[in-house]
Amino acid sequence: MSLTLSGKLFAASAAFLSLLLSGCIAASYHGESYPATDSIRVLPRNSAVLQNYRIIGTGQASGEFSGVTDGDLQNKLCQLGQQHGAEALVITGTRIVSSGKAVNDEAENFITATDAPDQVMTESAFSEDISADPGNAGTVFTRIMYADYLRKK
């Protein structure tokens, strides 16, 4: 079965729109690299099993606040870790900052990851905070997630 020209244009447009709606996610890794792994475990920060692992690197993933979820960022961090041979990762925290703003540890915009982060409550509190300041109208925000990558000792 062959597609007509209009069918091909529709399929290409749908694929492009899907890409736009899924949001662009940038990711970076710093650390040691090993052969790629087929799977990766996401471990809670306070897990007793962490003592069986050593940190091989750190990473971060980011995307436009309204275009990506924490789940999207976590999936990207998992893919990145697998590419660098990590066997597990721990989400260490997230930040929501205005795009182009310098991010540093002195800024009080770091949300430490918990064993059961509540994205709805985090986003509600964030929305209340930014809506209180009229200077934020039209500001684009970026969601950033951080992770430590691990391999067994």
N, C-alpha and C. Protein backbone atom coordinates (compact mmCIF):
# COMPACT_ATOMS: atom_id res chain seq x y z
N MET A 1 0.84 -1.18 0.00
CA MET A 1 0.00 0.00 0.00
C MET A 1 0.88 1.24 0.00
N SER A 2 0.66 2.13 -0.95
CA SER A 2 1.47 3.34 -1.01
C SER A 2 0.63 4.55 -0.61
N LEU A 3 1.30 5.49 0.03
CA LEU A 3 0.62 6.70 0.46
C LEU A 3 0.62 7.73 -0.66
N THR A 4 -0.46 8.48 -0.76
CA THR A 4 -0.51 9.59 -1.70
C THR A 4 0.38 10.70 -1.17
N LEU A 5 0.62 11.70 -2.00
CA LEU A 5 1.45 12.82 -1.58
C LEU A 5 0.83 13.51 -0.36
N SER A 6 -0.48 13.71 -0.37
CA SER A 6 -1.11 14.37 0.78
C SER A 6 -1.03 13.47 2.01
N GLY A 7 -1.11 12.16 1.84
CA GLY A 7 -0.97 11.23 2.96
C GLY A 7 0.43 11.27 3.54
N LYS A 8 1.43 11.37 2.66
CA LYS A 8 2.82 11.46 3.11
C LYS A 8 3.05 12.77 3.87
N LEU A 9 2.48 13.87 3.35
CA LEU A 9 2.63 15.16 4.02
C LEU A 9 1.95 15.13 5.39
N PHE A 10 0.77 14.50 5.45
CA PHE A 10 0.07 14.39 6.73
C PHE A 10 0.90 13.58 7.72
N ALA A 11 1.45 12.45 7.28
CA ALA A 11 2.26 11.60 8.17
C ALA A 11 3.50 12.35 8.65
N ALA A 12 4.16 13.08 7.76
CA ALA A 12 5.35 13.84 8.14
C ALA A 12 4.98 14.96 9.10
N SER A 13 3.86 15.64 8.84
CA SER A 13 3.41 16.71 9.73
C SER A 13 3.05 16.16 11.10
N ALA A 14 2.39 15.02 11.14
CA ALA A 14 2.02 14.41 12.42
C ALA A 14 3.26 14.02 13.21
N ALA A 15 4.28 13.47 12.53
CA ALA A 15 5.52 13.09 13.21
C ALA A 15 6.23 14.33 13.76
N PHE A 16 6.26 15.40 12.97
CA PHE A 16 6.91 16.64 13.41
C PHE A 16 6.16 17.24 14.60
N LEU A 17 4.83 17.28 14.53
CA LEU A 17 4.03 17.81 15.62
C LEU A 17 4.22 16.99 16.89
N SER A 18 4.29 15.68 16.73
CA SER A 18 4.52 14.80 17.88
C SER A 18 5.86 15.13 18.54
N LEU A 19 6.88 15.35 17.72
CA LEU A 19 8.21 15.70 18.24
C LEU A 19 8.15 17.03 19.00
N LEU A 20 7.46 18.02 18.43
CA LEU A 20 7.35 19.31 19.10
C LEU A 20 6.60 19.21 20.42
N LEU A 21 5.51 18.45 20.43
CA LEU A 21 4.70 18.35 21.63
C LEU A 21 5.39 17.54 22.73
N SER A 22 6.27 16.63 22.34
CA SER A 22 6.94 15.81 23.35
C SER A 22 8.00 16.60 24.10
N GLY A 23 8.37 17.75 23.57
CA GLY A 23 9.36 18.58 24.25
C GLY A 23 10.77 18.11 23.96
N CYS A 24 11.65 19.06 23.87
CA CYS A 24 13.05 18.74 23.65
C CYS A 24 13.71 18.59 25.02
N ILE A 25 14.52 17.56 25.14
CA ILE A 25 15.23 17.32 26.38
C ILE A 25 16.72 17.31 26.09
N ALA A 26 17.44 18.17 26.78
CA ALA A 26 18.89 18.20 26.69
C ALA A 26 19.44 17.39 27.86
N ALA A 27 20.52 16.68 27.63
CA ALA A 27 21.11 15.87 28.71
C ALA A 27 22.63 15.92 28.61
N SER A 28 23.27 15.80 29.77
CA SER A 28 24.73 15.75 29.79
C SER A 28 25.19 14.77 30.86
N TYR A 29 26.36 14.19 30.60
CA TYR A 29 26.96 13.19 31.49
C TYR A 29 28.40 13.57 31.73
N HIS A 30 28.85 13.44 32.97
CA HIS A 30 30.25 13.67 33.33
C HIS A 30 30.69 12.51 34.20
N GLY A 31 31.72 11.81 33.74
CA GLY A 31 32.22 10.71 34.54
C GLY A 31 32.86 9.63 33.70
N GLU A 32 33.01 8.46 34.32
CA GLU A 32 33.61 7.31 33.66
C GLU A 32 32.59 6.66 32.73
N SER A 33 33.09 6.04 31.65
CA SER A 33 32.21 5.32 30.73
C SER A 33 32.64 3.87 30.63
N TYR A 34 31.65 3.00 30.49
CA TYR A 34 31.84 1.55 30.37
C TYR A 34 30.98 1.09 29.20
N PRO A 35 31.10 -0.20 28.82
CA PRO A 35 30.22 -0.69 27.75
C PRO A 35 28.75 -0.48 28.14
N ALA A 36 27.93 -0.16 27.13
CA ALA A 36 26.51 0.11 27.36
C ALA A 36 25.82 -1.06 28.06
N THR A 37 24.84 -0.74 28.89
CA THR A 37 24.06 -1.75 29.59
C THR A 37 22.67 -1.84 28.96
N ASP A 38 22.04 -3.01 29.13
CA ASP A 38 20.71 -3.24 28.56
C ASP A 38 19.60 -2.68 29.44
N SER A 39 19.88 -2.54 30.72
CA SER A 39 18.87 -2.03 31.65
C SER A 39 19.56 -1.25 32.76
N ILE A 40 18.75 -0.47 33.47
CA ILE A 40 19.28 0.34 34.56
C ILE A 40 18.22 0.40 35.65
N ARG A 41 18.65 0.35 36.90
CA ARG A 41 17.74 0.43 38.04
C ARG A 41 17.71 1.86 38.55
N VAL A 42 16.52 2.33 38.90
CA VAL A 42 16.38 3.62 39.56
C VAL A 42 16.20 3.32 41.04
N LEU A 43 17.19 3.74 41.83
CA LEU A 43 17.19 3.43 43.26
C LEU A 43 16.80 4.66 44.08
N PRO A 44 16.09 4.44 45.18
CA PRO A 44 15.78 5.57 46.08
C PRO A 44 17.04 6.07 46.76
N ARG A 45 17.05 7.33 47.11
CA ARG A 45 18.23 7.96 47.73
C ARG A 45 18.67 7.29 49.02
N ASN A 46 17.76 6.78 49.79
CA ASN A 46 18.10 6.23 51.09
C ASN A 46 18.08 4.71 51.12
N SER A 47 18.28 4.08 49.99
CA SER A 47 18.23 2.63 49.91
C SER A 47 19.49 2.00 50.52
N ALA A 48 19.29 0.95 51.29
CA ALA A 48 20.42 0.23 51.89
C ALA A 48 21.27 -0.43 50.82
N VAL A 49 20.68 -0.72 49.67
CA VAL A 49 21.41 -1.40 48.60
C VAL A 49 22.48 -0.49 47.97
N LEU A 50 22.42 0.81 48.22
CA LEU A 50 23.41 1.74 47.66
C LEU A 50 24.84 1.41 48.09
N GLN A 51 24.99 0.78 49.25
CA GLN A 51 26.33 0.44 49.73
C GLN A 51 27.02 -0.57 48.82
N ASN A 52 26.26 -1.24 47.95
CA ASN A 52 26.82 -2.22 47.01
C ASN A 52 27.29 -1.57 45.71
N TYR A 53 27.12 -0.25 45.60
CA TYR A 53 27.44 0.46 44.36
C TYR A 53 28.47 1.54 44.62
N ARG A 54 29.10 1.98 43.53
CA ARG A 54 29.98 3.15 43.59
C ARG A 54 29.55 4.12 42.50
N ILE A 55 29.73 5.40 42.76
CA ILE A 55 29.35 6.43 41.79
C ILE A 55 30.39 6.47 40.68
N ILE A 56 29.91 6.40 39.43
CA ILE A 56 30.81 6.49 38.28
C ILE A 56 30.64 7.80 37.52
N GLY A 57 29.56 8.53 37.81
CA GLY A 57 29.34 9.78 37.10
C GLY A 57 28.10 10.51 37.57
N THR A 58 27.93 11.68 37.03
CA THR A 58 26.74 12.48 37.32
C THR A 58 26.13 12.93 36.01
N GLY A 59 24.85 13.25 36.06
CA GLY A 59 24.19 13.70 34.85
C GLY A 59 23.06 14.64 35.16
N GLN A 60 22.62 15.31 34.13
CA GLN A 60 21.45 16.15 34.27
C GLN A 60 20.68 16.15 32.97
N ALA A 61 19.38 16.31 33.08
CA ALA A 61 18.50 16.42 31.91
C ALA A 61 17.60 17.62 32.15
N SER A 62 17.29 18.35 31.07
CA SER A 62 16.47 19.54 31.23
C SER A 62 15.57 19.73 30.02
N GLY A 63 14.47 20.40 30.26
CA GLY A 63 13.54 20.71 29.19
C GLY A 63 12.61 21.82 29.62
N GLU A 64 11.90 22.40 28.66
CA GLU A 64 10.97 23.49 28.92
C GLU A 64 9.90 23.00 29.88
N PHE A 65 9.63 23.75 30.93
CA PHE A 65 8.79 23.33 32.05
C PHE A 65 7.45 22.75 31.62
N SER A 66 6.74 23.42 30.73
CA SER A 66 5.41 22.93 30.37
C SER A 66 5.47 21.84 29.31
N GLY A 67 6.63 21.58 28.74
CA GLY A 67 6.75 20.59 27.68
C GLY A 67 7.26 19.23 28.12
N VAL A 68 7.83 19.13 29.31
CA VAL A 68 8.36 17.85 29.79
C VAL A 68 7.93 17.62 31.24
N THR A 69 7.83 16.36 31.60
CA THR A 69 7.49 15.99 32.97
C THR A 69 8.73 15.44 33.65
N ASP A 70 8.63 15.24 34.95
CA ASP A 70 9.73 14.59 35.67
C ASP A 70 9.97 13.19 35.10
N GLY A 71 8.90 12.49 34.72
CA GLY A 71 9.04 11.16 34.12
C GLY A 71 9.82 11.19 32.83
N ASP A 72 9.58 12.21 31.99
CA ASP A 72 10.33 12.36 30.73
C ASP A 72 11.82 12.54 31.03
N LEU A 73 12.12 13.39 32.01
CA LEU A 73 13.52 13.65 32.35
C LEU A 73 14.17 12.40 32.93
N GLN A 74 13.45 11.68 33.78
CA GLN A 74 14.00 10.45 34.36
C GLN A 74 14.28 9.43 33.27
N ASN A 75 13.38 9.29 32.30
CA ASN A 75 13.61 8.36 31.19
C ASN A 75 14.87 8.74 30.40
N LYS A 76 15.05 10.04 30.16
CA LYS A 76 16.24 10.50 29.43
C LYS A 76 17.50 10.21 30.23
N LEU A 77 17.45 10.42 31.56
CA LEU A 77 18.61 10.12 32.40
C LEU A 77 18.91 8.62 32.39
N CYS A 78 17.88 7.79 32.35
CA CYS A 78 18.09 6.33 32.28
C CYS A 78 18.79 5.96 30.98
N GLN A 79 18.31 6.51 29.85
CA GLN A 79 18.94 6.24 28.56
C GLN A 79 20.40 6.67 28.56
N LEU A 80 20.65 7.85 29.10
CA LEU A 80 22.02 8.37 29.16
C LEU A 80 22.91 7.46 29.99
N GLY A 81 22.40 7.03 31.13
CA GLY A 81 23.17 6.13 31.99
C GLY A 81 23.49 4.82 31.32
N GLN A 82 22.52 4.25 30.62
CA GLN A 82 22.76 2.99 29.91
C GLN A 82 23.84 3.16 28.85
N GLN A 83 23.82 4.29 28.14
CA GLN A 83 24.85 4.55 27.12
C GLN A 83 26.25 4.57 27.71
N HIS A 84 26.36 4.98 28.97
CA HIS A 84 27.68 5.10 29.62
C HIS A 84 27.98 3.92 30.55
N GLY A 85 27.16 2.88 30.51
CA GLY A 85 27.45 1.66 31.25
C GLY A 85 27.02 1.66 32.71
N ALA A 86 26.14 2.56 33.10
CA ALA A 86 25.66 2.57 34.49
C ALA A 86 24.70 1.40 34.70
N GLU A 87 24.76 0.83 35.89
CA GLU A 87 23.85 -0.27 36.25
C GLU A 87 22.68 0.24 37.08
N ALA A 88 22.82 1.44 37.65
CA ALA A 88 21.76 2.03 38.47
C ALA A 88 21.95 3.54 38.49
N LEU A 89 20.90 4.23 38.91
CA LEU A 89 21.01 5.67 39.11
C LEU A 89 20.15 6.07 40.29
N VAL A 90 20.51 7.20 40.86
CA VAL A 90 19.75 7.80 41.95
C VAL A 90 19.44 9.23 41.53
N ILE A 91 18.15 9.58 41.53
CA ILE A 91 17.76 10.96 41.25
C ILE A 91 18.10 11.77 42.50
N THR A 92 18.94 12.79 42.31
CA THR A 92 19.39 13.57 43.47
C THR A 92 18.60 14.85 43.67
N GLY A 93 17.86 15.29 42.67
CA GLY A 93 17.04 16.49 42.86
C GLY A 93 16.58 17.08 41.56
N THR A 94 15.77 18.12 41.68
CA THR A 94 15.28 18.85 40.51
C THR A 94 15.31 20.33 40.80
N ARG A 95 15.33 21.10 39.74
CA ARG A 95 15.23 22.56 39.85
C ARG A 95 14.26 23.04 38.77
N ILE A 96 13.58 24.10 39.06
CA ILE A 96 12.77 24.79 38.06
C ILE A 96 13.26 26.22 38.07
N VAL A 97 13.82 26.67 36.95
CA VAL A 97 14.42 28.00 36.87
C VAL A 97 13.95 28.70 35.61
N SER A 98 14.01 30.01 35.61
CA SER A 98 13.69 30.74 34.39
C SER A 98 14.80 30.47 33.38
N SER A 99 14.41 30.27 32.14
CA SER A 99 15.38 29.92 31.09
C SER A 99 16.45 30.99 31.00
N GLY A 100 17.69 30.53 30.89
CA GLY A 100 18.82 31.44 30.78
C GLY A 100 19.38 31.88 32.12
N LYS A 101 18.70 31.54 33.21
CA LYS A 101 19.18 31.93 34.55
C LYS A 101 20.32 31.02 34.96
N ALA A 102 21.32 31.59 35.59
CA ALA A 102 22.42 30.78 36.11
C ALA A 102 21.91 29.90 37.24
N VAL A 103 22.29 28.65 37.21
CA VAL A 103 21.88 27.70 38.24
C VAL A 103 23.09 27.40 39.10
N ASN A 104 22.95 27.59 40.40
CA ASN A 104 24.06 27.29 41.30
C ASN A 104 23.50 26.85 42.64
N ASP A 105 24.36 26.33 43.47
CA ASP A 105 23.92 25.79 44.75
C ASP A 105 23.49 26.88 45.73
N GLU A 106 23.90 28.13 45.51
CA GLU A 106 23.48 29.20 46.41
C GLU A 106 22.03 29.59 46.17
N ALA A 107 21.54 29.35 44.94
CA ALA A 107 20.14 29.68 44.65
C ALA A 107 19.24 28.74 45.43
N GLU A 108 18.15 29.25 45.92
CA GLU A 108 17.25 28.41 46.71
C GLU A 108 16.16 27.83 45.83
N ASN A 109 16.57 27.27 44.68
CA ASN A 109 15.59 26.71 43.77
C ASN A 109 15.85 25.22 43.52
N PHE A 110 16.49 24.57 44.46
CA PHE A 110 16.80 23.15 44.34
C PHE A 110 15.83 22.37 45.19
N ILE A 111 15.15 21.42 44.59
CA ILE A 111 14.21 20.57 45.31
C ILE A 111 14.87 19.21 45.44
N THR A 112 15.19 18.81 46.66
CA THR A 112 15.85 17.52 46.88
C THR A 112 14.87 16.39 46.60
N ALA A 113 15.33 15.39 45.88
CA ALA A 113 14.48 14.26 45.57
C ALA A 113 14.18 13.47 46.84
N THR A 114 12.98 12.94 46.90
CA THR A 114 12.60 12.07 48.01
C THR A 114 12.32 10.69 47.45
N ASP A 115 12.02 9.76 48.32
CA ASP A 115 11.71 8.42 47.83
C ASP A 115 10.40 8.39 47.06
N ALA A 116 9.51 9.34 47.32
CA ALA A 116 8.23 9.40 46.63
C ALA A 116 7.92 10.86 46.28
N PRO A 117 8.64 11.43 45.31
CA PRO A 117 8.40 12.84 44.99
C PRO A 117 6.98 13.03 44.48
N ASP A 118 6.34 14.10 44.90
CA ASP A 118 4.98 14.41 44.52
C ASP A 118 5.01 15.55 43.52
N GLN A 119 5.03 15.20 42.24
CA GLN A 119 5.16 16.21 41.20
C GLN A 119 4.00 17.19 41.21
N VAL A 120 2.78 16.72 41.48
CA VAL A 120 1.62 17.62 41.47
C VAL A 120 1.77 18.70 42.54
N MET A 121 2.16 18.32 43.76
CA MET A 121 2.33 19.30 44.83
C MET A 121 3.49 20.25 44.53
N THR A 122 4.57 19.72 43.99
CA THR A 122 5.72 20.56 43.63
C THR A 122 5.30 21.60 42.59
N GLU A 123 4.59 21.16 41.56
CA GLU A 123 4.18 22.08 40.51
C GLU A 123 3.14 23.07 41.01
N SER A 124 2.25 22.65 41.91
CA SER A 124 1.26 23.57 42.47
C SER A 124 1.95 24.67 43.26
N ALA A 125 2.89 24.28 44.12
CA ALA A 125 3.62 25.27 44.91
C ALA A 125 4.42 26.20 44.01
N PHE A 126 5.04 25.63 42.98
CA PHE A 126 5.82 26.45 42.04
C PHE A 126 4.91 27.44 41.33
N SER A 127 3.75 26.97 40.84
CA SER A 127 2.82 27.84 40.13
C SER A 127 2.33 28.98 41.01
N GLU A 128 2.06 28.67 42.29
CA GLU A 128 1.63 29.72 43.22
C GLU A 128 2.75 30.74 43.42
N ASP A 129 3.98 30.27 43.55
CA ASP A 129 5.11 31.17 43.78
C ASP A 129 5.31 32.12 42.59
N ILE A 130 5.28 31.58 41.37
CA ILE A 130 5.57 32.43 40.22
C ILE A 130 4.40 33.32 39.87
N SER A 131 3.17 32.87 40.13
CA SER A 131 2.01 33.71 39.78
C SER A 131 1.89 34.90 40.73
N ALA A 132 2.51 34.82 41.91
CA ALA A 132 2.46 35.92 42.87
C ALA A 132 3.29 37.11 42.40
N ASP A 133 4.20 36.88 41.48
CA ASP A 133 5.09 37.95 40.99
C ASP A 133 4.71 38.32 39.56
N PRO A 134 4.14 39.50 39.35
CA PRO A 134 3.73 39.90 38.00
C PRO A 134 4.91 39.98 37.03
N GLY A 135 6.12 40.09 37.56
CA GLY A 135 7.30 40.12 36.69
C GLY A 135 7.55 38.81 35.97
N ASN A 136 6.87 37.74 36.39
CA ASN A 136 7.06 36.44 35.75
C ASN A 136 6.17 36.22 34.54
N ALA A 137 5.27 37.15 34.25
CA ALA A 137 4.38 36.99 33.10
C ALA A 137 5.22 36.86 31.83
N GLY A 138 4.96 35.83 31.07
CA GLY A 138 5.67 35.61 29.82
C GLY A 138 7.04 34.97 29.99
N THR A 139 7.46 34.66 31.20
CA THR A 139 8.76 34.04 31.43
C THR A 139 8.69 32.56 31.09
N VAL A 140 9.70 32.05 30.43
CA VAL A 140 9.79 30.62 30.11
C VAL A 140 10.65 29.96 31.18
N PHE A 141 10.14 28.85 31.72
CA PHE A 141 10.87 28.15 32.77
C PHE A 141 11.40 26.82 32.27
N THR A 142 12.51 26.39 32.87
CA THR A 142 13.17 25.14 32.52
C THR A 142 13.15 24.22 33.74
N ARG A 143 12.81 22.95 33.49
CA ARG A 143 12.83 21.92 34.53
C ARG A 143 14.14 21.15 34.36
N ILE A 144 14.92 21.02 35.45
CA ILE A 144 16.21 20.32 35.41
C ILE A 144 16.18 19.20 36.45
N MET A 145 16.63 18.01 36.06
CA MET A 145 16.72 16.88 36.99
C MET A 145 18.17 16.39 37.01
N TYR A 146 18.64 16.03 38.20
CA TYR A 146 20.02 15.60 38.42
C TYR A 146 20.06 14.16 38.87
N ALA A 147 21.14 13.44 38.51
CA ALA A 147 21.27 12.04 38.92
C ALA A 147 22.72 11.69 39.14
N ASP A 148 22.93 10.72 40.04
CA ASP A 148 24.23 10.07 40.19
C ASP A 148 24.10 8.70 39.52
N TYR A 149 25.14 8.33 38.76
CA TYR A 149 25.16 7.03 38.07
C TYR A 149 26.05 6.07 38.82
N LEU A 150 25.63 4.81 38.88
CA LEU A 150 26.29 3.82 39.72
C LEU A 150 26.62 2.53 38.98
N ARG A 151 27.67 1.86 39.46
CA ARG A 151 28.00 0.48 39.06
C ARG A 151 28.28 -0.30 40.33
N LYS A 152 28.04 -1.59 40.27
CA LYS A 152 28.32 -2.43 41.44
C LYS A 152 29.80 -2.43 41.74
N LYS A 153 30.10 -2.49 43.06
CA LYS A 153 31.50 -2.53 43.51
C LYS A 153 32.15 -3.84 43.13
